[in-house]
Structures are given as structure tokens and as C-alpha cells.
Amino acid sequence: MTSASDARTTVAELKSQVLAFVRERDWEQFHSPKNLSMALAAEAGELMEHFLWSTPEQATAVARDPAKRERIAEELADVVIYALEFANMTGIDVAAAIESKLASNAGRYPVEKAKGRSDKYTEL
């Protein structure tokens, strides 16, 4: 396997790699949307554990700590792998879904109202 990077690897390539991994193990039979969404939530929880009870400053330091960063990257990879497999099993085009969601969010969070604010769109 070649060394992948965000700059060189497409979403389609990642989805294909995840699907090949799953098919080699005959795991598609277990990958219903329900099971994948639950696995995705579980992995997100494992990612969050690295920052539990931390202040924002402490969390930033944890994310930058080389000894902890590798484990954090592994948890993030698990989250993304399950998200890509969810997309594979449901036929969702990830890039199109992201583009659509960003367009929707741009309407809900116009720059002139939302810039520098963390309020929900209903509160802007």
C-alpha cells in the first residue's frame, strides 16, 4: 500500500480501500446502517475519551502531544472508516453530501451574522 495523504488520496479511493477490506473478510453481512451508525458512535466516543475532563487548552495540548497523537489519529481513523463504510453500504456520495450540507449551513449561518459566534442558527 502506498503512503496516502489528504493531498493525494481521493474520497473514492478511501471508500474503495474500506470496501475491499470489508469484502476480504466477508463483513458486509454485518454492516447494516443500524450497526454501522452504532459502531460510528462508539468510535466517536473512544475519540472523545482522550479529551474528557480537559479544558479547551488542555485538549489542544493533548492533541499536539506526539505520544498521544498516534492513538488519537487511530481513533479518528476508526470514525472515518466507519463513516466511509456507512456511505458504501447506503450508496451515499460523501463529497456530494458534504457539499450539500455546507451549502445548507451557509444559508443558516450567513457570515455577516455568524462570524465569530458559536450560537445556533436559530439564535443568530
Protein backbone atom coordinates (compact mmCIF):
# COMPACT_ATOMS: atom_id res chain seq x y z
CA MET A 1 0.00 0.00 0.00
CA THR A 2 1.37 3.41 -0.95
CA SER A 3 1.57 6.22 1.53
CA ALA A 4 -1.74 8.07 1.44
CA SER A 5 -2.20 11.73 2.27
CA ASP A 6 -5.08 14.18 2.20
CA ALA A 7 -3.36 15.99 -0.67
CA ARG A 8 -3.09 12.89 -2.87
CA THR A 9 -5.88 10.49 -1.90
CA THR A 10 -9.47 10.88 -3.07
CA VAL A 11 -12.59 10.03 -1.11
CA ALA A 12 -13.38 7.45 -3.79
CA GLU A 13 -10.02 5.76 -3.24
CA LEU A 14 -10.61 5.62 0.51
CA LYS A 15 -14.12 4.23 0.05
CA SER A 16 -12.72 1.61 -2.30
CA GLN A 17 -10.00 0.60 0.17
CA VAL A 18 -12.52 0.31 3.00
CA LEU A 19 -14.88 -1.74 0.84
CA ALA A 20 -12.06 -4.08 -0.25
CA PHE A 21 -11.02 -4.58 3.38
CA VAL A 22 -14.61 -5.40 4.38
CA ARG A 23 -15.21 -7.74 1.45
CA GLU A 24 -11.98 -9.68 2.06
CA ARG A 25 -13.33 -10.51 5.49
CA ASP A 26 -16.95 -11.12 4.41
CA TRP A 27 -18.17 -8.45 6.82
CA GLU A 28 -20.78 -6.83 4.60
CA GLN A 29 -23.35 -9.18 6.12
CA PHE A 30 -22.90 -7.36 9.45
CA HIS A 31 -22.82 -3.82 8.07
CA SER A 32 -26.41 -2.65 8.19
CA PRO A 33 -26.97 1.10 8.53
CA LYS A 34 -28.04 0.49 12.15
CA ASN A 35 -24.89 -1.43 13.05
CA LEU A 36 -22.58 0.95 11.23
CA SER A 37 -24.16 4.03 12.79
CA MET A 38 -23.79 2.45 16.24
CA ALA A 39 -20.15 1.48 15.56
CA LEU A 40 -19.50 5.02 14.34
CA ALA A 41 -20.95 6.46 17.56
CA ALA A 42 -18.89 4.04 19.67
CA GLU A 43 -15.68 5.02 17.90
CA ALA A 44 -16.53 8.72 18.25
CA GLY A 45 -16.88 8.07 21.98
CA GLU A 46 -13.43 6.49 22.06
CA LEU A 47 -12.04 9.57 20.33
CA MET A 48 -13.76 11.83 22.88
CA GLU A 49 -12.26 9.88 25.78
CA HIS A 50 -8.86 11.38 25.00
CA PHE A 51 -10.22 14.83 25.87
CA LEU A 52 -12.67 14.01 28.65
CA TRP A 53 -12.47 16.40 31.60
CA SER A 54 -9.92 18.60 29.79
CA THR A 55 -10.16 22.33 29.44
CA PRO A 56 -10.01 23.58 25.84
CA GLU A 57 -6.34 24.46 26.39
CA GLN A 58 -5.54 21.04 27.82
CA ALA A 59 -7.37 19.34 24.96
CA THR A 60 -5.30 21.27 22.43
CA ALA A 61 -2.13 20.22 24.24
CA VAL A 62 -3.27 16.58 24.26
CA ALA A 63 -3.93 16.69 20.51
CA ARG A 64 -0.43 18.07 19.92
CA ASP A 65 1.37 15.62 22.22
CA PRO A 66 3.30 13.22 19.92
CA ALA A 67 2.84 10.29 22.31
CA LYS A 68 -0.93 10.73 22.41
CA ARG A 69 -1.40 11.95 18.84
CA GLU A 70 -0.87 8.49 17.34
CA ARG A 71 -3.66 6.97 19.46
CA ILE A 72 -5.92 9.94 18.68
CA ALA A 73 -5.20 9.50 14.95
CA GLU A 74 -6.13 5.82 15.24
CA GLU A 75 -9.47 6.69 16.82
CA LEU A 76 -10.14 9.33 14.19
CA ALA A 77 -9.31 6.76 11.51
CA ASP A 78 -11.83 4.35 13.05
CA VAL A 79 -14.51 7.06 12.93
CA VAL A 80 -13.77 7.91 9.30
CA ILE A 81 -13.55 4.24 8.27
CA TYR A 82 -16.99 3.54 9.72
CA ALA A 83 -18.37 6.70 8.11
CA LEU A 84 -16.98 5.65 4.73
CA GLU A 85 -18.33 2.13 5.13
CA PHE A 86 -21.72 3.61 6.06
CA ALA A 87 -21.55 5.59 2.81
CA ASN A 88 -20.58 2.43 0.91
CA MET A 89 -23.47 0.40 2.32
CA THR A 90 -26.08 3.13 1.83
CA GLY A 91 -24.89 4.46 -1.52
CA ILE A 92 -24.32 7.96 -0.16
CA ASP A 93 -21.91 10.10 -2.17
CA VAL A 94 -19.79 11.64 0.60
CA ALA A 95 -18.45 14.58 -1.42
CA ALA A 96 -21.94 15.48 -2.69
CA ALA A 97 -23.40 15.16 0.82
CA ILE A 98 -20.70 17.43 2.27
CA GLU A 99 -21.14 19.99 -0.50
CA SER A 100 -24.90 20.00 0.01
CA LYS A 101 -24.59 20.30 3.79
CA LEU A 102 -22.09 23.17 3.53
CA ALA A 103 -24.47 25.00 1.18
CA SER A 104 -27.33 24.45 3.61
CA ASN A 105 -25.20 25.62 6.55
CA ALA A 106 -24.11 28.70 4.60
CA GLY A 107 -27.78 29.69 4.40
CA ARG A 108 -28.35 29.05 8.10
CA TYR A 109 -25.13 30.69 9.20
CA PRO A 110 -24.53 33.72 6.97
CA VAL A 111 -21.08 35.19 7.53
CA GLU A 112 -22.45 38.60 8.46
CA LYS A 113 -24.44 37.06 11.34
CA ALA A 114 -22.36 34.06 12.38
CA LYS A 115 -18.74 35.20 12.09
CA GLY A 116 -17.01 34.77 15.42
CA ARG A 117 -20.15 33.42 17.11
CA SER A 118 -20.96 29.91 18.28
CA ASP A 119 -24.70 30.45 18.59
CA LYS A 120 -27.10 28.05 16.89
CA TYR A 121 -28.62 29.41 13.68
CA THR A 122 -31.97 29.89 15.40
CA GLU A 123 -30.29 32.29 17.83
CA LEU A 124 -28.45 34.49 15.32
